[in-house]
Amino acid sequence: MENGQAGKRAALIVGAGDATGSAIARRFAREGMVACVTRRSADKLRPLVEEIQAAGGEAVAFGADARKEEEVVALVDQIEREIAPIAVMVFNIGANVPCSILEETARKYFKIWEMACFSAFLTGREVARRMVARGRGTILFTGATAGLRGSANFAAFAGAKFALRALVQSMARELGPRNIHVAHVVVDGAIDTAFIRDNFPERYALKAQEGILNPDHIADNYWHLHVQPRDAWTHELDLRPWIEKW
C-alpha cells in the first residue's frame, strides 16, 4: 500500500489564489481528489477549504514558500506521508509585476524569477521524483502571454515566463517516456478576478460578452489535461476569450 490513505489521490495546487488556483482546487476536489492547496500563508486558504468541504469534497491547506527548497521538500513529504500520493501537481504562482527596464531593480527582477520559474523547478522536481517511482502522474504549469512574447515594461516577468516554458519543455521530453504527463497552459487574456474588476473596469465589462476568462472554465481544461489518454497528450494549451487579439 502506498503512503497516505489507501485509495486516495492528492492534487497539489501550488499558488491557490482567489481565482484560477481556487477554481482548479475545487475542480479536482469535485472529482474525488484531496485538494492540497498552498500559499505562503495557510490562513488565507481557510475560506477555500471550507467551501470545498461544504460541497462534499476534501481539502487541506498548507503554508509554504515555494522559493525555499527545504519548505518544498517538507511539503511534498508531508502530503505523501499523511494525506495521499500526489497524482497531479499544478503550479500556479503568479508574478506579473510591470516595471520599466530603466527603473527595474536587481532585487525585484530576481524575486520575480524566483516566484515564476525557480519555485516551479523546485516543486516540479520534488513531485516528479515521487511520480517516476510510481510510473504515473501529471504535472501542469500555468504560463502566460509573456512566455511567448515580451511586452514593454515586463522584462522581468517575460524573462521568468520564458524560462518557465523552457523548463516545462525539458521536463516533458524527459518525463513523458516515463509516463508522466507534463503540460504548459498559456493563459492569454484577462481573468475574472477582483483585480481586473477594480483596476480595469472597461475590460471587466466584457464579462457580459464572455470576453474575459472564467476561472472555472480554465479549471475544466486542467482537468481535461489530467485525464487525457497518453496516446494523445497535449503538451501546450493556450486559452483565450474569443474576442482576444493574438
Protein backbone atom coordinates (compact mmCIF):
# COMPACT_ATOMS: atom_id res chain seq x y z
CA MET A 1 0.00 0.00 0.00
CA GLU A 2 1.29 3.47 -0.89
CA ASN A 3 1.83 6.11 1.76
CA GLY A 4 -1.13 8.22 2.78
CA GLN A 5 -4.70 6.95 2.98
CA ALA A 6 -5.46 3.86 0.93
CA GLY A 7 -7.25 4.60 -2.33
CA LYS A 8 -6.97 8.35 -2.08
CA ARG A 9 -5.16 10.62 -4.53
CA ALA A 10 -3.91 14.12 -3.89
CA ALA A 11 -3.94 17.14 -6.18
CA LEU A 12 -1.29 19.62 -5.10
CA ILE A 13 -2.14 23.18 -6.14
CA VAL A 14 0.88 25.43 -5.62
CA GLY A 15 -0.33 29.02 -5.63
CA ALA A 16 -4.00 28.50 -4.83
CA GLY A 17 -5.03 32.12 -5.28
CA ASP A 18 -8.52 33.53 -5.07
CA ALA A 19 -9.40 32.97 -8.74
CA THR A 20 -7.71 30.42 -11.01
CA GLY A 21 -5.91 28.45 -8.31
CA SER A 22 -9.04 28.13 -6.21
CA ALA A 23 -11.10 27.08 -9.22
CA ILE A 24 -8.58 24.36 -10.07
CA ALA A 25 -8.65 23.10 -6.49
CA ARG A 26 -12.45 22.95 -6.50
CA ARG A 27 -12.45 21.11 -9.85
CA PHE A 28 -10.07 18.38 -8.75
CA ALA A 29 -11.81 18.03 -5.39
CA ARG A 30 -15.11 17.57 -7.23
CA GLU A 31 -13.56 14.57 -8.95
CA GLY A 32 -12.82 12.93 -5.61
CA MET A 33 -9.22 14.01 -5.14
CA VAL A 34 -7.87 15.60 -1.96
CA ALA A 35 -7.08 19.20 -2.85
CA CYS A 36 -3.82 20.10 -1.13
CA VAL A 37 -3.73 23.85 -1.53
CA THR A 38 -0.74 26.05 -0.75
CA ARG A 39 0.11 29.69 -0.31
CA ARG A 40 2.73 31.39 1.78
CA SER A 41 0.03 31.96 4.39
CA ALA A 42 -2.24 28.99 5.11
CA ASP A 43 -4.74 31.26 6.90
CA LYS A 44 -5.71 32.84 3.58
CA LEU A 45 -6.80 29.42 2.35
CA ARG A 46 -9.39 28.82 5.07
CA PRO A 47 -12.39 30.08 3.01
CA LEU A 48 -11.40 27.87 0.06
CA VAL A 49 -11.01 24.77 2.24
CA GLU A 50 -14.36 25.41 3.91
CA GLU A 51 -16.04 25.92 0.53
CA ILE A 52 -14.68 22.63 -0.82
CA GLN A 53 -15.65 20.75 2.34
CA ALA A 54 -19.14 22.25 2.29
CA ALA A 55 -19.56 20.91 -1.24
CA GLY A 56 -18.64 17.42 -0.06
CA GLY A 57 -15.00 17.43 -1.14
CA GLU A 58 -11.74 17.11 0.74
CA ALA A 59 -9.16 19.86 1.07
CA VAL A 60 -6.16 20.58 3.26
CA ALA A 61 -4.30 23.89 3.45
CA PHE A 62 -0.54 24.26 3.74
CA GLY A 63 1.58 27.34 4.26
CA ALA A 64 4.84 27.15 2.31
CA ASP A 65 7.18 29.43 0.42
CA ALA A 66 7.78 27.64 -2.87
CA ARG A 67 11.02 29.58 -3.35
CA LYS A 68 12.58 27.76 -0.37
CA GLU A 69 13.91 24.31 -1.18
CA GLU A 70 13.59 22.96 2.33
CA GLU A 71 9.96 24.05 2.57
CA VAL A 72 9.06 22.45 -0.77
CA VAL A 73 10.74 19.18 0.20
CA ALA A 74 8.93 19.16 3.55
CA LEU A 75 5.59 19.98 1.89
CA VAL A 76 5.76 17.12 -0.59
CA ASP A 77 6.99 14.70 2.07
CA GLN A 78 4.13 15.61 4.40
CA ILE A 79 1.43 15.24 1.75
CA GLU A 80 2.79 11.89 0.57
CA ARG A 81 3.17 10.64 4.15
CA GLU A 82 -0.02 11.95 5.75
CA ILE A 83 -2.57 12.65 3.01
CA ALA A 84 -2.20 10.61 -0.18
CA PRO A 85 0.09 10.06 -3.17
CA ILE A 86 0.27 13.17 -5.35
CA ALA A 87 -1.40 12.22 -8.64
CA VAL A 88 -1.30 15.72 -10.10
CA MET A 89 0.60 18.89 -9.31
CA VAL A 90 -0.49 22.27 -10.64
CA PHE A 91 1.99 25.13 -10.43
CA ASN A 92 0.02 28.38 -10.48
CA ILE A 93 2.18 31.06 -8.89
CA GLY A 94 1.81 34.48 -10.50
CA ALA A 95 4.47 37.18 -10.67
CA ASN A 96 3.02 39.71 -13.07
CA VAL A 97 4.69 42.92 -11.88
CA PRO A 98 5.27 45.63 -14.55
CA CYS A 99 8.27 47.93 -14.44
CA SER A 100 10.38 49.88 -16.93
CA ILE A 101 13.74 48.29 -17.62
CA LEU A 102 15.20 51.71 -16.76
CA GLU A 103 13.85 51.50 -13.23
CA GLU A 104 13.88 47.75 -12.55
CA THR A 105 15.99 46.71 -9.58
CA ALA A 106 18.14 43.60 -9.44
CA ARG A 107 16.36 42.53 -6.25
CA LYS A 108 12.87 42.67 -7.78
CA TYR A 109 13.96 41.10 -11.06
CA PHE A 110 15.46 38.17 -9.15
CA LYS A 111 12.39 37.83 -6.91
CA ILE A 112 10.09 37.62 -9.93
CA TRP A 113 12.29 34.89 -11.43
CA GLU A 114 12.23 33.04 -8.11
CA MET A 115 8.44 33.17 -7.99
CA ALA A 116 7.65 32.34 -11.61
CA CYS A 117 10.46 29.93 -12.50
CA PHE A 118 12.72 28.76 -9.69
CA SER A 119 9.81 27.72 -7.49
CA ALA A 120 8.38 25.80 -10.47
CA PHE A 121 11.65 23.89 -10.75
CA LEU A 122 11.63 23.02 -7.03
CA THR A 123 8.04 21.81 -6.91
CA GLY A 124 8.26 20.09 -10.28
CA ARG A 125 11.41 18.21 -9.29
CA GLU A 126 10.05 17.02 -5.96
CA VAL A 127 6.75 15.68 -7.27
CA ALA A 128 8.46 14.19 -10.34
CA ARG A 129 10.69 12.10 -8.10
CA ARG A 130 7.62 10.59 -6.45
CA MET A 131 5.70 10.12 -9.68
CA VAL A 132 8.56 8.44 -11.53
CA ALA A 133 8.85 5.91 -8.72
CA ARG A 134 5.15 5.07 -9.22
CA GLY A 135 5.29 5.20 -13.02
CA ARG A 136 2.45 7.72 -13.45
CA GLY A 137 1.43 11.31 -12.77
CA THR A 138 0.53 14.70 -14.17
CA ILE A 139 2.46 17.96 -13.74
CA LEU A 140 0.82 21.14 -15.05
CA PHE A 141 2.26 24.66 -15.15
CA THR A 142 0.37 27.92 -15.63
CA GLY A 143 2.07 30.09 -18.22
CA ALA A 144 1.20 33.45 -19.68
CA THR A 145 1.32 35.53 -22.84
CA ALA A 146 4.64 36.85 -21.53
CA GLY A 147 6.14 33.40 -22.04
CA LEU A 148 5.53 33.73 -25.77
CA ARG A 149 6.40 37.37 -26.38
CA GLY A 150 7.89 40.03 -24.13
CA SER A 151 6.00 43.30 -23.88
CA ALA A 152 7.37 46.71 -22.95
CA ASN A 153 7.74 47.16 -19.18
CA PHE A 154 7.57 43.43 -18.48
CA ALA A 155 11.21 42.39 -18.87
CA ALA A 156 11.36 40.58 -15.54
CA PHE A 157 8.04 38.78 -15.93
CA ALA A 158 8.70 37.84 -19.56
CA GLY A 159 12.17 36.56 -18.74
CA ALA A 160 10.82 34.38 -15.95
CA LYS A 161 7.92 33.04 -18.00
CA PHE A 162 10.15 32.29 -20.99
CA ALA A 163 12.39 30.35 -18.63
CA LEU A 164 9.37 28.53 -17.19
CA ARG A 165 8.28 27.47 -20.67
CA ALA A 166 11.75 26.09 -21.41
CA LEU A 167 11.77 24.22 -18.09
CA VAL A 168 8.43 22.62 -18.89
CA GLN A 169 9.51 21.61 -22.39
CA SER A 170 12.62 19.94 -21.00
CA MET A 171 10.67 18.15 -18.27
CA ALA A 172 8.09 16.91 -20.76
CA ARG A 173 10.74 15.42 -23.04
CA GLU A 174 12.45 13.67 -20.16
CA LEU A 175 9.42 12.52 -18.18
CA GLY A 176 6.91 11.77 -20.93
CA PRO A 177 8.59 8.44 -21.80
CA ARG A 178 8.30 7.58 -18.11
CA ASN A 179 4.51 8.02 -18.20
CA ILE A 180 4.48 11.47 -16.57
CA HIS A 181 2.29 13.96 -18.44
CA VAL A 182 3.88 17.42 -18.28
CA ALA A 183 1.97 20.32 -19.82
CA HIS A 184 2.13 24.12 -20.07
CA VAL A 185 -1.07 26.19 -20.10
CA VAL A 186 -0.79 29.65 -21.66
CA VAL A 187 -3.48 31.89 -20.20
CA ASP A 188 -3.76 34.66 -22.78
CA GLY A 189 -6.27 37.23 -21.60
CA ALA A 190 -7.85 38.95 -18.64
CA ILE A 191 -9.32 36.66 -15.98
CA ASP A 192 -12.49 37.30 -13.99
CA THR A 193 -10.83 38.48 -10.77
CA ALA A 194 -11.33 41.27 -8.26
CA PHE A 195 -8.08 42.84 -9.50
CA ILE A 196 -9.42 43.18 -13.05
CA ARG A 197 -12.80 44.35 -11.77
CA ASP A 198 -11.31 47.09 -9.58
CA ASN A 199 -8.45 48.25 -11.81
CA PHE A 200 -9.71 47.69 -15.35
CA PRO A 201 -13.49 48.27 -15.26
CA GLU A 202 -13.76 48.68 -19.03
CA ARG A 203 -12.10 45.33 -19.57
CA TYR A 204 -14.19 43.74 -16.84
CA ALA A 205 -17.35 44.95 -18.58
CA LEU A 206 -16.53 42.49 -21.37
CA LYS A 207 -17.55 39.71 -19.00
CA ALA A 208 -21.14 40.13 -20.20
CA GLN A 209 -19.94 39.12 -23.68
CA GLU A 210 -17.84 36.23 -22.38
CA GLY A 211 -14.87 38.41 -23.21
CA ILE A 212 -12.75 37.58 -20.17
CA LEU A 213 -11.67 34.20 -18.90
CA ASN A 214 -13.88 32.41 -16.38
CA PRO A 215 -11.65 30.68 -13.77
CA ASP A 216 -13.99 27.67 -13.64
CA HIS A 217 -13.61 27.17 -17.38
CA ILE A 218 -9.84 27.44 -17.08
CA ALA A 219 -10.00 24.77 -14.39
CA ASP A 220 -12.02 22.46 -16.65
CA ASN A 221 -9.11 22.48 -19.10
CA TYR A 222 -6.65 21.49 -16.38
CA TRP A 223 -8.83 18.51 -15.50
CA HIS A 224 -9.08 17.51 -19.16
CA LEU A 225 -5.29 17.58 -19.44
CA HIS A 226 -5.03 15.31 -16.42
CA VAL A 227 -7.36 12.67 -17.82
CA GLN A 228 -6.11 12.69 -21.42
CA PRO A 229 -5.09 9.27 -22.75
CA ARG A 230 -1.35 9.09 -23.27
CA ASP A 231 -1.66 8.34 -26.97
CA ALA A 232 -2.96 11.91 -27.41
CA TRP A 233 -1.29 14.05 -24.78
CA THR A 234 -1.31 17.82 -25.14
CA HIS A 235 1.93 19.49 -24.13
CA GLU A 236 0.97 23.15 -24.59
CA LEU A 237 -2.55 24.54 -24.42
CA ASP A 238 -3.41 28.19 -24.90
CA LEU A 239 -6.64 29.65 -23.55
CA ARG A 240 -8.11 32.99 -24.53
CA PRO A 241 -11.54 34.61 -24.92
CA TRP A 242 -12.96 34.65 -28.42
CA ILE A 243 -12.50 38.43 -28.71
CA GLU A 244 -8.84 38.45 -27.63
CA LYS A 245 -6.37 39.53 -30.33
CA TRP A 246 -3.34 37.29 -30.77
